[in-house]
């Protein structure tokens, strides 16, 4: 396996304000090592860190929809009947999920 040996020192000066800005961007990128951060930015040009916490808003809707589907499946298996209201309820839950996902995705598009 090739050894990743970094033995060339590159130095540059920044102002106090620039250093604070670099540190803020490091924090946003979830990187605590300044050398790693600067190397990553110089070589790749950007770091993307997605905040997917809004996805957690969808989880209760998904649980609710899957619970409804399980209840309907049990009833259909027991009675061999399915009701229009059951299908309408599932469709409503699916529409809610799609609406919420669209809102979440639009946040990323409008960044």
C-alpha atoms as a PDB file:
ATOM      1  CA  UNK A   1       0.000   0.000   0.000  1.00  0.00           C
ATOM      2  CA  UNK A   2       1.330   3.446  -0.940  1.00  0.00           C
ATOM      3  CA  UNK A   3       2.250   5.618   1.994  1.00  0.00           C
ATOM      4  CA  UNK A   4       0.612   9.068   2.154  1.00  0.00           C
ATOM      5  CA  UNK A   5       3.663  11.085   3.130  1.00  0.00           C
ATOM      6  CA  UNK A   6       3.186  14.811   3.424  1.00  0.00           C
ATOM      7  CA  UNK A   7       6.606  16.313   3.864  1.00  0.00           C
ATOM      8  CA  UNK A   8       6.421  19.632   2.016  1.00  0.00           C
ATOM      9  CA  UNK A   9       5.514  22.676   4.082  1.00  0.00           C
ATOM     10  CA  UNK A  10       3.436  25.435   2.499  1.00  0.00           C
ATOM     11  CA  UNK A  11       2.887  28.543   4.608  1.00  0.00           C
ATOM     12  CA  UNK A  12       0.873  31.690   4.130  1.00  0.00           C
ATOM     13  CA  UNK A  13      -0.205  34.628   6.255  1.00  0.00           C
ATOM     14  CA  UNK A  14      -3.750  35.732   7.046  1.00  0.00           C
ATOM     15  CA  UNK A  15      -5.266  38.574   9.021  1.00  0.00           C
ATOM     16  CA  UNK A  16      -6.988  37.969  12.330  1.00  0.00           C
ATOM     17  CA  UNK A  17     -10.340  38.499  10.602  1.00  0.00           C
ATOM     18  CA  UNK A  18      -9.488  35.968   7.900  1.00  0.00           C
ATOM     19  CA  UNK A  19      -8.415  33.418  10.518  1.00  0.00           C
ATOM     20  CA  UNK A  20     -11.761  33.838  12.302  1.00  0.00           C
ATOM     21  CA  UNK A  21     -13.597  33.382   9.015  1.00  0.00           C
ATOM     22  CA  UNK A  22     -11.590  30.211   8.274  1.00  0.00           C
ATOM     23  CA  UNK A  23     -12.421  28.882  11.737  1.00  0.00           C
ATOM     24  CA  UNK A  24     -16.123  29.628  11.256  1.00  0.00           C
ATOM     25  CA  UNK A  25     -16.122  27.792   7.931  1.00  0.00           C
ATOM     26  CA  UNK A  26     -14.252  24.874   9.491  1.00  0.00           C
ATOM     27  CA  UNK A  27     -16.907  24.646  12.168  1.00  0.00           C
ATOM     28  CA  UNK A  28     -19.696  24.722   9.562  1.00  0.00           C
ATOM     29  CA  UNK A  29     -17.903  21.974   7.634  1.00  0.00           C
ATOM     30  CA  UNK A  30     -17.515  19.846  10.743  1.00  0.00           C
ATOM     31  CA  UNK A  31     -13.717  19.895  10.509  1.00  0.00           C
ATOM     32  CA  UNK A  32     -11.589  20.686  13.548  1.00  0.00           C
ATOM     33  CA  UNK A  33      -8.094  20.314  12.052  1.00  0.00           C
ATOM     34  CA  UNK A  34      -7.079  23.493  10.226  1.00  0.00           C
ATOM     35  CA  UNK A  35      -4.379  21.765   8.170  1.00  0.00           C
ATOM     36  CA  UNK A  36      -6.887  19.190   6.921  1.00  0.00           C
ATOM     37  CA  UNK A  37      -9.459  21.890   6.189  1.00  0.00           C
ATOM     38  CA  UNK A  38      -7.064  24.092   4.214  1.00  0.00           C
ATOM     39  CA  UNK A  39      -5.673  21.101   2.282  1.00  0.00           C
ATOM     40  CA  UNK A  40      -9.217  19.962   1.421  1.00  0.00           C
ATOM     41  CA  UNK A  41     -10.234  23.450   0.289  1.00  0.00           C
ATOM     42  CA  UNK A  42      -7.098  23.952  -1.808  1.00  0.00           C
ATOM     43  CA  UNK A  43      -7.275  20.538  -3.500  1.00  0.00           C
ATOM     44  CA  UNK A  44     -11.042  20.181  -3.948  1.00  0.00           C
ATOM     45  CA  UNK A  45     -12.205  23.792  -3.831  1.00  0.00           C
ATOM     46  CA  UNK A  46     -15.220  23.189  -1.631  1.00  0.00           C
ATOM     47  CA  UNK A  47     -16.654  21.168   1.218  1.00  0.00           C
ATOM     48  CA  UNK A  48     -20.332  20.344   1.349  1.00  0.00           C
ATOM     49  CA  UNK A  49     -22.002  19.452   4.611  1.00  0.00           C
ATOM     50  CA  UNK A  50     -25.718  18.821   4.335  1.00  0.00           C
ATOM     51  CA  UNK A  51     -27.977  19.419   7.291  1.00  0.00           C
ATOM     52  CA  UNK A  52     -30.524  16.645   6.909  1.00  0.00           C
ATOM     53  CA  UNK A  53     -32.210  17.254  10.255  1.00  0.00           C
ATOM     54  CA  UNK A  54     -35.406  18.317   8.468  1.00  0.00           C
ATOM     55  CA  UNK A  55     -35.716  14.749   7.172  1.00  0.00           C
ATOM     56  CA  UNK A  56     -36.598  13.787  10.760  1.00  0.00           C
ATOM     57  CA  UNK A  57     -39.892  15.640  10.276  1.00  0.00           C
ATOM     58  CA  UNK A  58     -40.945  13.005   7.733  1.00  0.00           C
ATOM     59  CA  UNK A  59     -40.321   9.997   9.991  1.00  0.00           C
ATOM     60  CA  UNK A  60     -43.556  10.325  12.032  1.00  0.00           C
ATOM     61  CA  UNK A  61     -45.557  10.558   8.797  1.00  0.00           C
ATOM     62  CA  UNK A  62     -43.857   7.443   7.456  1.00  0.00           C
ATOM     63  CA  UNK A  63     -44.554   5.564  10.704  1.00  0.00           C
ATOM     64  CA  UNK A  64     -48.193   6.608  10.622  1.00  0.00           C
ATOM     65  CA  UNK A  65     -48.599   5.546   6.993  1.00  0.00           C
ATOM     66  CA  UNK A  66     -46.935   2.164   7.537  1.00  0.00           C
ATOM     67  CA  UNK A  67     -49.058   1.546  10.651  1.00  0.00           C
ATOM     68  CA  UNK A  68     -52.195   2.256   8.618  1.00  0.00           C
ATOM     69  CA  UNK A  69     -51.049  -0.068   5.855  1.00  0.00           C
ATOM     70  CA  UNK A  70     -50.316  -2.844   8.386  1.00  0.00           C
ATOM     71  CA  UNK A  71     -53.754  -2.468   9.961  1.00  0.00           C
ATOM     72  CA  UNK A  72     -55.424  -2.548   6.555  1.00  0.00           C
ATOM     73  CA  UNK A  73     -53.414  -5.627   5.536  1.00  0.00           C
ATOM     74  CA  UNK A  74     -54.440  -7.472   8.723  1.00  0.00           C
ATOM     75  CA  UNK A  75     -58.104  -6.623   8.158  1.00  0.00           C
ATOM     76  CA  UNK A  76     -57.952  -7.612   4.472  1.00  0.00           C
ATOM     77  CA  UNK A  77     -56.327 -10.925   5.379  1.00  0.00           C
ATOM     78  CA  UNK A  78     -58.948 -11.610   8.038  1.00  0.00           C
ATOM     79  CA  UNK A  79     -62.067 -10.465   6.150  1.00  0.00           C
ATOM     80  CA  UNK A  80     -60.960 -10.531   2.495  1.00  0.00           C
ATOM     81  CA  UNK A  81     -62.503  -7.057   2.165  1.00  0.00           C
ATOM     82  CA  UNK A  82     -60.874  -3.692   1.519  1.00  0.00           C
ATOM     83  CA  UNK A  83     -62.680  -0.419   1.977  1.00  0.00           C
ATOM     84  CA  UNK A  84     -62.490   2.738  -0.113  1.00  0.00           C
ATOM     85  CA  UNK A  85     -61.870   4.773   3.044  1.00  0.00           C
ATOM     86  CA  UNK A  86     -58.791   2.658   3.813  1.00  0.00           C
ATOM     87  CA  UNK A  87     -57.338   3.453   0.402  1.00  0.00           C
ATOM     88  CA  UNK A  88     -58.263   7.131   0.779  1.00  0.00           C
ATOM     89  CA  UNK A  89     -56.531   7.260   4.193  1.00  0.00           C
ATOM     90  CA  UNK A  90     -53.337   5.749   2.793  1.00  0.00           C
ATOM     91  CA  UNK A  91     -53.423   8.123  -0.187  1.00  0.00           C
ATOM     92  CA  UNK A  92     -53.816  11.082   2.192  1.00  0.00           C
ATOM     93  CA  UNK A  93     -50.784   9.982   4.224  1.00  0.00           C
ATOM     94  CA  UNK A  94     -48.709   9.458   1.077  1.00  0.00           C
ATOM     95  CA  UNK A  95     -49.700  12.929  -0.183  1.00  0.00           C
ATOM     96  CA  UNK A  96     -48.632  14.454   3.151  1.00  0.00           C
ATOM     97  CA  UNK A  97     -45.275  12.688   2.911  1.00  0.00           C
ATOM     98  CA  UNK A  98     -44.715  13.886  -0.663  1.00  0.00           C
ATOM     99  CA  UNK A  99     -45.675  17.467   0.272  1.00  0.00           C
ATOM    100  CA  UNK A 100     -43.227  17.496   3.169  1.00  0.00           C
ATOM    101  CA  UNK A 101     -40.443  15.966   1.067  1.00  0.00           C
ATOM    102  CA  UNK A 102     -41.023  18.576  -1.640  1.00  0.00           C
ATOM    103  CA  UNK A 103     -40.681  21.374   0.940  1.00  0.00           C
ATOM    104  CA  UNK A 104     -37.479  19.830   2.277  1.00  0.00           C
ATOM    105  CA  UNK A 105     -35.979  19.383  -1.175  1.00  0.00           C
ATOM    106  CA  UNK A 106     -36.902  22.951  -2.158  1.00  0.00           C
ATOM    107  CA  UNK A 107     -34.772  24.194   0.760  1.00  0.00           C
ATOM    108  CA  UNK A 108     -31.750  22.555  -0.858  1.00  0.00           C
ATOM    109  CA  UNK A 109     -32.596  23.882  -4.320  1.00  0.00           C
ATOM    110  CA  UNK A 110     -32.892  27.442  -3.005  1.00  0.00           C
ATOM    111  CA  UNK A 111     -29.569  27.453  -1.135  1.00  0.00           C
END
